[in-house]
Amino acid sequence: MASEALLFAGMVSGYLGLRSHIHVWPPPGQPRLPVEATAFNTLVLLASGVIIYLSQKPFNDPFQKKSLLRHMQLAIGLGAAFLLLQGYEWFNLLRFGMGITENVYGGLFYMIVGFHALHVIIALLLHSYVYFAIRAAKKPKDHAGKFYVSQMFWMFVVVVWPFLYYTVYIL
């Protein structure tokens, strides 16, 4: 997790450093980032983090397996919704001329947000794997290690996003 945090810290510091040397930000002719739509999408991802956090209680109760699985399904669904909304945002930005190779603005945007999206995909795959392992198990506790690693990684992805959103979309 520390190396992942350093990866994002390095990208954000590079972004801020380059941005400080460019007089007009964003560059002329670039589309406006969808701040409001992405704020809603941020709430979707934060909700998934709350659900993951709340899944600890049913995980620790052997009689709450169905509740645990519902929590996990909901978190996976919200994470997938976050990705779909972000993909729709990217589609529109590309359609309006904001590409990765046109200028530093687009390149940095897609690099930072894209690396986060990649982490969301990995978190979804990991959490889905754990979901199916727990579903097939008689006792969820048999997969405690997997569950906590999956939960930690998911929370990392959720916690990093508001910082990225603020830096890239609002600053």
N, C-alpha and C. Protein backbone atom coordinates (compact mmCIF):
# COMPACT_ATOMS: atom_id res chain seq x y z
N MET A 1 0.83 -1.19 0.00
CA MET A 1 0.00 0.00 0.00
C MET A 1 0.87 1.25 0.00
N ALA A 2 1.98 1.18 0.71
CA ALA A 2 2.86 2.35 0.77
C ALA A 2 3.42 2.68 -0.62
N SER A 3 3.80 1.65 -1.37
CA SER A 3 4.34 1.92 -2.71
C SER A 3 3.25 2.47 -3.63
N GLU A 4 2.02 2.01 -3.46
CA GLU A 4 0.91 2.54 -4.26
C GLU A 4 0.64 4.00 -3.89
N ALA A 5 0.69 4.30 -2.61
CA ALA A 5 0.50 5.68 -2.16
C ALA A 5 1.61 6.58 -2.73
N LEU A 6 2.83 6.07 -2.75
CA LEU A 6 3.93 6.85 -3.31
C LEU A 6 3.77 7.03 -4.82
N LEU A 7 3.24 6.04 -5.50
CA LEU A 7 2.97 6.16 -6.93
C LEU A 7 2.02 7.33 -7.19
N PHE A 8 0.91 7.35 -6.45
CA PHE A 8 -0.06 8.43 -6.64
C PHE A 8 0.50 9.77 -6.18
N ALA A 9 1.26 9.78 -5.11
CA ALA A 9 1.88 11.02 -4.63
C ALA A 9 2.85 11.57 -5.69
N GLY A 10 3.59 10.69 -6.32
CA GLY A 10 4.51 11.12 -7.37
C GLY A 10 3.78 11.68 -8.57
N MET A 11 2.69 11.04 -8.98
CA MET A 11 1.92 11.56 -10.12
C MET A 11 1.31 12.91 -9.80
N VAL A 12 0.76 13.04 -8.59
CA VAL A 12 0.12 14.31 -8.21
C VAL A 12 1.17 15.41 -8.08
N SER A 13 2.31 15.12 -7.50
CA SER A 13 3.34 16.16 -7.38
C SER A 13 3.88 16.54 -8.75
N GLY A 14 4.02 15.59 -9.66
CA GLY A 14 4.42 15.91 -11.03
C GLY A 14 3.38 16.78 -11.72
N TYR A 15 2.12 16.44 -11.52
CA TYR A 15 1.01 17.22 -12.07
C TYR A 15 1.06 18.65 -11.56
N LEU A 16 1.18 18.80 -10.25
CA LEU A 16 1.20 20.15 -9.66
C LEU A 16 2.43 20.93 -10.09
N GLY A 17 3.57 20.24 -10.19
CA GLY A 17 4.79 20.91 -10.64
C GLY A 17 4.68 21.40 -12.08
N LEU A 18 4.21 20.56 -12.96
CA LEU A 18 4.04 20.98 -14.36
C LEU A 18 2.99 22.07 -14.50
N ARG A 19 1.92 21.90 -13.78
CA ARG A 19 0.83 22.88 -13.85
C ARG A 19 1.31 24.26 -13.39
N SER A 20 2.16 24.32 -12.40
CA SER A 20 2.63 25.61 -11.88
C SER A 20 3.47 26.37 -12.90
N HIS A 21 4.00 25.68 -13.92
CA HIS A 21 4.83 26.32 -14.94
C HIS A 21 4.05 26.70 -16.20
N ILE A 22 2.79 26.36 -16.23
CA ILE A 22 1.97 26.67 -17.41
C ILE A 22 1.04 27.81 -17.01
N HIS A 23 1.09 28.90 -17.78
CA HIS A 23 0.38 30.12 -17.40
C HIS A 23 -1.14 30.00 -17.51
N VAL A 24 -1.64 29.28 -18.50
CA VAL A 24 -3.09 29.14 -18.67
C VAL A 24 -3.45 27.68 -18.45
N TRP A 25 -4.26 27.44 -17.43
CA TRP A 25 -4.65 26.07 -17.09
C TRP A 25 -6.15 26.01 -16.91
N PRO A 26 -6.87 25.17 -17.57
CA PRO A 26 -6.43 24.25 -18.63
C PRO A 26 -6.08 25.01 -19.91
N PRO A 27 -5.33 24.37 -20.78
CA PRO A 27 -4.95 25.02 -22.03
C PRO A 27 -6.18 25.42 -22.84
N PRO A 28 -6.07 26.49 -23.61
CA PRO A 28 -7.21 26.92 -24.44
C PRO A 28 -7.67 25.81 -25.38
N GLY A 29 -8.97 25.74 -25.58
CA GLY A 29 -9.55 24.77 -26.50
C GLY A 29 -9.83 23.41 -25.87
N GLN A 30 -9.49 23.23 -24.61
CA GLN A 30 -9.75 21.95 -23.95
C GLN A 30 -11.12 22.00 -23.28
N PRO A 31 -11.82 20.88 -23.28
CA PRO A 31 -13.14 20.87 -22.65
C PRO A 31 -13.04 21.03 -21.14
N ARG A 32 -14.08 21.55 -20.57
CA ARG A 32 -14.18 21.70 -19.11
C ARG A 32 -14.40 20.31 -18.51
N LEU A 33 -13.68 20.00 -17.45
CA LEU A 33 -13.88 18.72 -16.79
C LEU A 33 -15.25 18.71 -16.11
N PRO A 34 -15.94 17.59 -16.14
CA PRO A 34 -17.29 17.50 -15.56
C PRO A 34 -17.24 17.40 -14.03
N VAL A 35 -17.01 18.53 -13.39
CA VAL A 35 -16.82 18.57 -11.94
C VAL A 35 -18.04 18.02 -11.20
N GLU A 36 -19.24 18.45 -11.60
CA GLU A 36 -20.45 18.03 -10.88
C GLU A 36 -20.72 16.53 -11.06
N ALA A 37 -20.63 16.06 -12.30
CA ALA A 37 -20.88 14.64 -12.56
C ALA A 37 -19.85 13.78 -11.82
N THR A 38 -18.62 14.24 -11.78
CA THR A 38 -17.59 13.47 -11.10
C THR A 38 -17.75 13.57 -9.58
N ALA A 39 -18.33 14.66 -9.10
CA ALA A 39 -18.64 14.75 -7.67
C ALA A 39 -19.66 13.67 -7.30
N PHE A 40 -20.68 13.50 -8.14
CA PHE A 40 -21.66 12.43 -7.91
C PHE A 40 -20.97 11.07 -7.95
N ASN A 41 -20.10 10.88 -8.93
CA ASN A 41 -19.38 9.62 -9.06
C ASN A 41 -18.48 9.38 -7.85
N THR A 42 -17.93 10.45 -7.30
CA THR A 42 -17.12 10.34 -6.08
C THR A 42 -17.98 9.82 -4.93
N LEU A 43 -19.21 10.32 -4.84
CA LEU A 43 -20.12 9.84 -3.79
C LEU A 43 -20.43 8.36 -3.97
N VAL A 44 -20.55 7.92 -5.22
CA VAL A 44 -20.79 6.50 -5.50
C VAL A 44 -19.63 5.66 -4.96
N LEU A 45 -18.40 6.10 -5.23
CA LEU A 45 -17.24 5.35 -4.76
C LEU A 45 -17.13 5.40 -3.23
N LEU A 46 -17.39 6.57 -2.65
CA LEU A 46 -17.36 6.67 -1.19
C LEU A 46 -18.41 5.76 -0.54
N ALA A 47 -19.57 5.68 -1.17
CA ALA A 47 -20.62 4.78 -0.65
C ALA A 47 -20.14 3.33 -0.68
N SER A 48 -19.41 2.95 -1.72
CA SER A 48 -18.89 1.58 -1.77
C SER A 48 -17.91 1.35 -0.62
N GLY A 49 -17.13 2.37 -0.29
CA GLY A 49 -16.20 2.25 0.84
C GLY A 49 -16.92 2.09 2.16
N VAL A 50 -18.01 2.83 2.34
CA VAL A 50 -18.81 2.70 3.56
C VAL A 50 -19.39 1.28 3.65
N ILE A 51 -19.88 0.78 2.52
CA ILE A 51 -20.45 -0.57 2.51
C ILE A 51 -19.38 -1.61 2.85
N ILE A 52 -18.20 -1.45 2.29
CA ILE A 52 -17.10 -2.38 2.60
C ILE A 52 -16.76 -2.31 4.08
N TYR A 53 -16.70 -1.10 4.61
CA TYR A 53 -16.41 -0.95 6.04
C TYR A 53 -17.49 -1.64 6.89
N LEU A 54 -18.74 -1.43 6.51
CA LEU A 54 -19.85 -2.02 7.27
C LEU A 54 -19.91 -3.54 7.13
N SER A 55 -19.23 -4.09 6.14
CA SER A 55 -19.26 -5.54 5.95
C SER A 55 -18.45 -6.27 7.01
N GLN A 56 -17.67 -5.55 7.79
CA GLN A 56 -16.91 -6.19 8.86
C GLN A 56 -17.82 -6.86 9.88
N LYS A 57 -18.92 -6.18 10.21
CA LYS A 57 -19.82 -6.72 11.24
C LYS A 57 -20.41 -8.06 10.81
N PRO A 58 -21.05 -8.15 9.62
CA PRO A 58 -21.56 -9.46 9.24
C PRO A 58 -20.46 -10.49 9.01
N PHE A 59 -19.25 -10.04 8.63
CA PHE A 59 -18.17 -10.99 8.44
C PHE A 59 -17.82 -11.68 9.75
N ASN A 60 -17.84 -10.93 10.83
CA ASN A 60 -17.46 -11.47 12.13
C ASN A 60 -18.56 -12.30 12.79
N ASP A 61 -19.76 -12.29 12.23
CA ASP A 61 -20.87 -13.07 12.77
C ASP A 61 -21.14 -14.25 11.84
N PRO A 62 -20.88 -15.49 12.30
CA PRO A 62 -21.03 -16.65 11.41
C PRO A 62 -22.46 -16.86 10.90
N PHE A 63 -23.44 -16.24 11.55
CA PHE A 63 -24.83 -16.40 11.13
C PHE A 63 -25.27 -15.32 10.15
N GLN A 64 -24.36 -14.46 9.77
CA GLN A 64 -24.69 -13.33 8.89
C GLN A 64 -24.07 -13.46 7.49
N LYS A 65 -23.85 -14.67 7.04
CA LYS A 65 -23.20 -14.88 5.74
C LYS A 65 -23.98 -14.21 4.61
N LYS A 66 -25.30 -14.33 4.60
CA LYS A 66 -26.10 -13.72 3.54
C LYS A 66 -25.97 -12.20 3.56
N SER A 67 -25.97 -11.63 4.74
CA SER A 67 -25.80 -10.19 4.87
C SER A 67 -24.43 -9.76 4.36
N LEU A 68 -23.41 -10.51 4.71
CA LEU A 68 -22.05 -10.23 4.24
C LEU A 68 -22.01 -10.25 2.71
N LEU A 69 -22.58 -11.28 2.11
CA LEU A 69 -22.57 -11.40 0.65
C LEU A 69 -23.34 -10.24 0.00
N ARG A 70 -24.43 -9.82 0.62
CA ARG A 70 -25.17 -8.66 0.08
C ARG A 70 -24.32 -7.39 0.15
N HIS A 71 -23.63 -7.20 1.26
CA HIS A 71 -22.73 -6.05 1.39
C HIS A 71 -21.67 -6.08 0.28
N MET A 72 -21.09 -7.24 0.08
CA MET A 72 -20.04 -7.37 -0.92
C MET A 72 -20.58 -7.13 -2.33
N GLN A 73 -21.77 -7.66 -2.62
CA GLN A 73 -22.39 -7.43 -3.93
C GLN A 73 -22.65 -5.95 -4.16
N LEU A 74 -23.16 -5.29 -3.15
CA LEU A 74 -23.46 -3.87 -3.27
C LEU A 74 -22.19 -3.06 -3.51
N ALA A 75 -21.15 -3.37 -2.78
CA ALA A 75 -19.87 -2.66 -2.96
C ALA A 75 -19.31 -2.90 -4.37
N ILE A 76 -19.38 -4.13 -4.83
CA ILE A 76 -18.90 -4.45 -6.18
C ILE A 76 -19.75 -3.71 -7.22
N GLY A 77 -21.05 -3.69 -7.02
CA GLY A 77 -21.93 -2.97 -7.94
C GLY A 77 -21.64 -1.47 -7.97
N LEU A 78 -21.42 -0.88 -6.80
CA LEU A 78 -21.10 0.55 -6.75
C LEU A 78 -19.74 0.84 -7.39
N GLY A 79 -18.77 -0.05 -7.16
CA GLY A 79 -17.46 0.11 -7.80
C GLY A 79 -17.56 0.01 -9.32
N ALA A 80 -18.37 -0.93 -9.80
CA ALA A 80 -18.57 -1.07 -11.25
C ALA A 80 -19.29 0.16 -11.80
N ALA A 81 -20.26 0.68 -11.05
CA ALA A 81 -20.97 1.90 -11.49
C ALA A 81 -20.00 3.06 -11.58
N PHE A 82 -19.09 3.17 -10.62
CA PHE A 82 -18.06 4.22 -10.65
C PHE A 82 -17.25 4.13 -11.95
N LEU A 83 -16.83 2.92 -12.29
CA LEU A 83 -16.03 2.73 -13.51
C LEU A 83 -16.84 3.07 -14.77
N LEU A 84 -18.08 2.64 -14.81
CA LEU A 84 -18.92 2.92 -15.97
C LEU A 84 -19.14 4.43 -16.14
N LEU A 85 -19.41 5.11 -15.05
CA LEU A 85 -19.59 6.56 -15.13
C LEU A 85 -18.31 7.26 -15.54
N GLN A 86 -17.20 6.77 -15.05
CA GLN A 86 -15.92 7.35 -15.43
C GLN A 86 -15.62 7.07 -16.91
N GLY A 87 -15.96 5.89 -17.36
CA GLY A 87 -15.78 5.57 -18.78
C GLY A 87 -16.63 6.47 -19.67
N TYR A 88 -17.85 6.72 -19.24
CA TYR A 88 -18.72 7.64 -19.99
C TYR A 88 -18.12 9.05 -20.02
N GLU A 89 -17.56 9.48 -18.90
CA GLU A 89 -16.89 10.78 -18.83
C GLU A 89 -15.72 10.82 -19.81
N TRP A 90 -14.91 9.79 -19.83
CA TRP A 90 -13.76 9.74 -20.73
C TRP A 90 -14.22 9.77 -22.19
N PHE A 91 -15.24 9.01 -22.49
CA PHE A 91 -15.77 8.98 -23.85
C PHE A 91 -16.14 10.39 -24.30
N ASN A 92 -16.84 11.11 -23.45
CA ASN A 92 -17.24 12.48 -23.80
C ASN A 92 -16.05 13.42 -23.91
N LEU A 93 -15.08 13.30 -23.02
CA LEU A 93 -13.89 14.15 -23.09
C LEU A 93 -13.10 13.88 -24.38
N LEU A 94 -12.98 12.62 -24.74
CA LEU A 94 -12.29 12.29 -25.99
C LEU A 94 -13.06 12.82 -27.19
N ARG A 95 -14.37 12.71 -27.14
CA ARG A 95 -15.22 13.21 -28.23
C ARG A 95 -15.09 14.72 -28.39
N PHE A 96 -14.88 15.42 -27.28
CA PHE A 96 -14.73 16.88 -27.32
C PHE A 96 -13.29 17.32 -27.53
N GLY A 97 -12.39 16.39 -27.81
CA GLY A 97 -11.03 16.74 -28.20
C GLY A 97 -9.97 16.67 -27.13
N MET A 98 -10.28 16.13 -25.97
CA MET A 98 -9.26 16.02 -24.93
C MET A 98 -8.64 14.63 -24.99
N GLY A 99 -7.54 14.56 -25.71
CA GLY A 99 -6.85 13.28 -25.85
C GLY A 99 -5.63 13.20 -24.97
N ILE A 100 -4.99 12.06 -25.01
CA ILE A 100 -3.82 11.85 -24.17
C ILE A 100 -2.57 12.46 -24.80
N THR A 101 -2.56 12.64 -26.12
CA THR A 101 -1.36 13.12 -26.80
C THR A 101 -1.43 14.57 -27.25
N GLU A 102 -2.57 15.22 -27.07
CA GLU A 102 -2.71 16.60 -27.55
C GLU A 102 -1.86 17.59 -26.77
N ASN A 103 -1.80 17.41 -25.45
CA ASN A 103 -1.03 18.32 -24.60
C ASN A 103 -0.79 17.68 -23.25
N VAL A 104 -0.05 18.39 -22.42
CA VAL A 104 0.27 17.89 -21.09
C VAL A 104 -0.99 17.72 -20.25
N TYR A 105 -1.93 18.61 -20.41
CA TYR A 105 -3.18 18.58 -19.66
C TYR A 105 -3.90 17.24 -19.82
N GLY A 106 -4.14 16.85 -21.06
CA GLY A 106 -4.80 15.57 -21.33
C GLY A 106 -3.96 14.39 -20.89
N GLY A 107 -2.67 14.45 -21.16
CA GLY A 107 -1.79 13.36 -20.78
C GLY A 107 -1.77 13.11 -19.28
N LEU A 108 -1.65 14.20 -18.52
CA LEU A 108 -1.64 14.06 -17.06
C LEU A 108 -2.99 13.60 -16.53
N PHE A 109 -4.06 14.16 -17.08
CA PHE A 109 -5.40 13.78 -16.65
C PHE A 109 -5.60 12.27 -16.83
N TYR A 110 -5.35 11.77 -18.02
CA TYR A 110 -5.59 10.35 -18.29
C TYR A 110 -4.62 9.44 -17.53
N MET A 111 -3.39 9.92 -17.31
CA MET A 111 -2.44 9.11 -16.56
C MET A 111 -2.91 8.96 -15.11
N ILE A 112 -3.23 10.05 -14.46
CA ILE A 112 -3.61 10.00 -13.05
C ILE A 112 -4.94 9.28 -12.87
N VAL A 113 -5.94 9.72 -13.61
CA VAL A 113 -7.27 9.12 -13.46
C VAL A 113 -7.27 7.68 -13.99
N GLY A 114 -6.49 7.43 -15.02
CA GLY A 114 -6.39 6.08 -15.58
C GLY A 114 -5.73 5.09 -14.62
N PHE A 115 -4.67 5.53 -13.94
CA PHE A 115 -4.05 4.64 -12.96
C PHE A 115 -5.03 4.34 -11.83
N HIS A 116 -5.81 5.34 -11.44
CA HIS A 116 -6.80 5.07 -10.41
C HIS A 116 -7.84 4.07 -10.92
N ALA A 117 -8.30 4.26 -12.15
CA ALA A 117 -9.29 3.33 -12.73
C ALA A 117 -8.72 1.91 -12.77
N LEU A 118 -7.45 1.78 -13.11
CA LEU A 118 -6.81 0.47 -13.10
C LEU A 118 -6.85 -0.14 -11.70
N HIS A 119 -6.61 0.67 -10.69
CA HIS A 119 -6.67 0.19 -9.32
C HIS A 119 -8.10 -0.21 -8.93
N VAL A 120 -9.08 0.51 -9.42
CA VAL A 120 -10.47 0.15 -9.16
C VAL A 120 -10.78 -1.21 -9.80
N ILE A 121 -10.31 -1.42 -11.02
CA ILE A 121 -10.52 -2.70 -11.69
C ILE A 121 -9.88 -3.84 -10.89
N ILE A 122 -8.66 -3.63 -10.44
CA ILE A 122 -7.97 -4.66 -9.64
C ILE A 122 -8.75 -4.92 -8.35
N ALA A 123 -9.21 -3.85 -7.70
CA ALA A 123 -9.99 -4.01 -6.46
C ALA A 123 -11.29 -4.77 -6.73
N LEU A 124 -11.94 -4.48 -7.85
CA LEU A 124 -13.17 -5.20 -8.19
C LEU A 124 -12.90 -6.68 -8.43
N LEU A 125 -11.84 -6.98 -9.15
CA LEU A 125 -11.50 -8.38 -9.41
C LEU A 125 -11.14 -9.11 -8.11
N LEU A 126 -10.36 -8.46 -7.27
CA LEU A 126 -9.96 -9.07 -6.00
C LEU A 126 -11.19 -9.29 -5.11
N HIS A 127 -12.03 -8.28 -5.02
CA HIS A 127 -13.20 -8.40 -4.16
C HIS A 127 -14.19 -9.43 -4.72
N SER A 128 -14.30 -9.52 -6.02
CA SER A 128 -15.17 -10.54 -6.64
C SER A 128 -14.64 -11.94 -6.35
N TYR A 129 -13.34 -12.10 -6.44
CA TYR A 129 -12.73 -13.39 -6.11
C TYR A 129 -13.05 -13.78 -4.67
N VAL A 130 -12.88 -12.84 -3.75
CA VAL A 130 -13.16 -13.11 -2.34
C VAL A 130 -14.65 -13.39 -2.13
N TYR A 131 -15.49 -12.66 -2.84
CA TYR A 131 -16.94 -12.87 -2.74
C TYR A 131 -17.28 -14.32 -3.09
N PHE A 132 -16.76 -14.81 -4.22
CA PHE A 132 -17.08 -16.18 -4.64
C PHE A 132 -16.46 -17.22 -3.70
N ALA A 133 -15.29 -16.92 -3.15
CA ALA A 133 -14.67 -17.84 -2.20
C ALA A 133 -15.52 -17.94 -0.93
N ILE A 134 -15.99 -16.81 -0.44
CA ILE A 134 -16.83 -16.81 0.76
C ILE A 134 -18.18 -17.46 0.48
N ARG A 135 -18.73 -17.19 -0.67
CA ARG A 135 -20.02 -17.78 -1.03
C ARG A 135 -19.95 -19.31 -1.06
N ALA A 136 -18.84 -19.84 -1.54
CA ALA A 136 -18.68 -21.29 -1.64
C ALA A 136 -18.29 -21.93 -0.31
N ALA A 137 -17.79 -21.14 0.62
CA ALA A 137 -17.30 -21.68 1.89
C ALA A 137 -18.44 -21.91 2.88
N LYS A 138 -18.21 -22.86 3.76
CA LYS A 138 -19.19 -23.09 4.84
C LYS A 138 -19.07 -21.98 5.88
N LYS A 139 -17.84 -21.56 6.15
CA LYS A 139 -17.61 -20.51 7.15
C LYS A 139 -16.82 -19.38 6.49
N PRO A 140 -17.37 -18.16 6.49
CA PRO A 140 -16.61 -17.04 5.93
C PRO A 140 -15.24 -16.85 6.59
N LYS A 141 -15.14 -17.20 7.86
CA LYS A 141 -13.87 -17.01 8.59
C LYS A 141 -12.71 -17.77 7.94
N ASP A 142 -13.03 -18.80 7.13
CA ASP A 142 -11.97 -19.54 6.44
C ASP A 142 -11.22 -18.64 5.46
N HIS A 143 -11.83 -17.53 5.10
CA HIS A 143 -11.22 -16.62 4.13
C HIS A 143 -10.94 -15.25 4.73
N ALA A 144 -10.68 -15.23 6.03
CA ALA A 144 -10.46 -13.96 6.73
C ALA A 144 -9.30 -13.17 6.14
N GLY A 145 -8.20 -13.82 5.87
CA GLY A 145 -7.04 -13.11 5.31
C GLY A 145 -7.35 -12.47 3.98
N LYS A 146 -7.98 -13.23 3.09
CA LYS A 146 -8.35 -12.70 1.78
C LYS A 146 -9.32 -11.53 1.92
N PHE A 147 -10.28 -11.71 2.83
CA PHE A 147 -11.30 -10.67 3.02
C PHE A 147 -10.65 -9.37 3.48
N TYR A 148 -9.76 -9.45 4.45
CA TYR A 148 -9.16 -8.22 4.98
C TYR A 148 -8.20 -7.56 3.98
N VAL A 149 -7.47 -8.35 3.21
CA VAL A 149 -6.61 -7.78 2.16
C VAL A 149 -7.48 -7.08 1.11
N SER A 150 -8.54 -7.75 0.70
CA SER A 150 -9.46 -7.16 -0.28
C SER A 150 -10.07 -5.88 0.26
N GLN A 151 -10.49 -5.91 1.51
CA GLN A 151 -11.11 -4.75 2.14
C GLN A 151 -10.11 -3.59 2.24
N MET A 152 -8.87 -3.89 2.63
CA MET A 152 -7.85 -2.85 2.74
C MET A 152 -7.56 -2.20 1.39
N PHE A 153 -7.43 -3.03 0.36
CA PHE A 153 -7.13 -2.48 -0.96
C PHE A 153 -8.30 -1.63 -1.46
N TRP A 154 -9.51 -2.11 -1.24
CA TRP A 154 -10.69 -1.34 -1.65
C TRP A 154 -10.71 0.01 -0.94
N MET A 155 -10.45 0.00 0.36
CA MET A 155 -10.46 1.25 1.12
C MET A 155 -9.36 2.19 0.63
N PHE A 156 -8.22 1.64 0.25
CA PHE A 156 -7.15 2.47 -0.31
C PHE A 156 -7.63 3.18 -1.57
N VAL A 157 -8.26 2.43 -2.46
CA VAL A 157 -8.76 2.99 -3.72
C VAL A 157 -9.80 4.08 -3.44
N VAL A 158 -10.65 3.84 -2.46
CA VAL A 158 -11.70 4.80 -2.11
C VAL A 158 -11.09 6.07 -1.50
N VAL A 159 -10.13 5.91 -0.60
CA VAL A 159 -9.56 7.06 0.10
C VAL A 159 -8.70 7.92 -0.82
N VAL A 160 -8.01 7.31 -1.75
CA VAL A 160 -7.15 8.06 -2.67
C VAL A 160 -7.97 8.95 -3.61
N TRP A 161 -9.15 8.46 -4.03
CA TRP A 161 -9.91 9.17 -5.05
C TRP A 161 -10.29 10.61 -4.68
N PRO A 162 -10.79 10.93 -3.50
CA PRO A 162 -11.13 12.33 -3.22
C PRO A 162 -9.95 13.28 -3.37
N PHE A 163 -8.75 12.83 -3.02
CA PHE A 163 -7.56 13.66 -3.19
C PHE A 163 -7.27 13.89 -4.67
N LEU A 164 -7.41 12.84 -5.47
CA LEU A 164 -7.20 12.97 -6.91
C LEU A 164 -8.27 13.87 -7.52
N TYR A 165 -9.50 13.66 -7.11
CA TYR A 165 -10.61 14.47 -7.62
C TYR A 165 -10.37 15.95 -7.32
N TYR A 166 -10.03 16.25 -6.10
CA TYR A 166 -9.79 17.65 -5.71
C TYR A 166 -8.64 18.24 -6.52
N THR A 167 -7.54 17.51 -6.63
CA THR A 167 -6.35 18.02 -7.32
C THR A 167 -6.59 18.20 -8.81
N VAL A 168 -7.17 17.22 -9.46
CA VAL A 168 -7.31 17.24 -10.92
C VAL A 168 -8.54 18.03 -11.38
N TYR A 169 -9.64 17.91 -10.67
CA TYR A 169 -10.89 18.51 -11.14
C TYR A 169 -11.16 19.89 -10.57
N ILE A 170 -10.75 20.15 -9.34
CA ILE A 170 -11.15 21.37 -8.68
C ILE A 170 -10.04 22.42 -8.62
N LEU A 171 -8.82 22.01 -8.26
CA LEU A 171 -7.72 22.98 -8.15
C LEU A 171 -7.46 23.75 -9.42
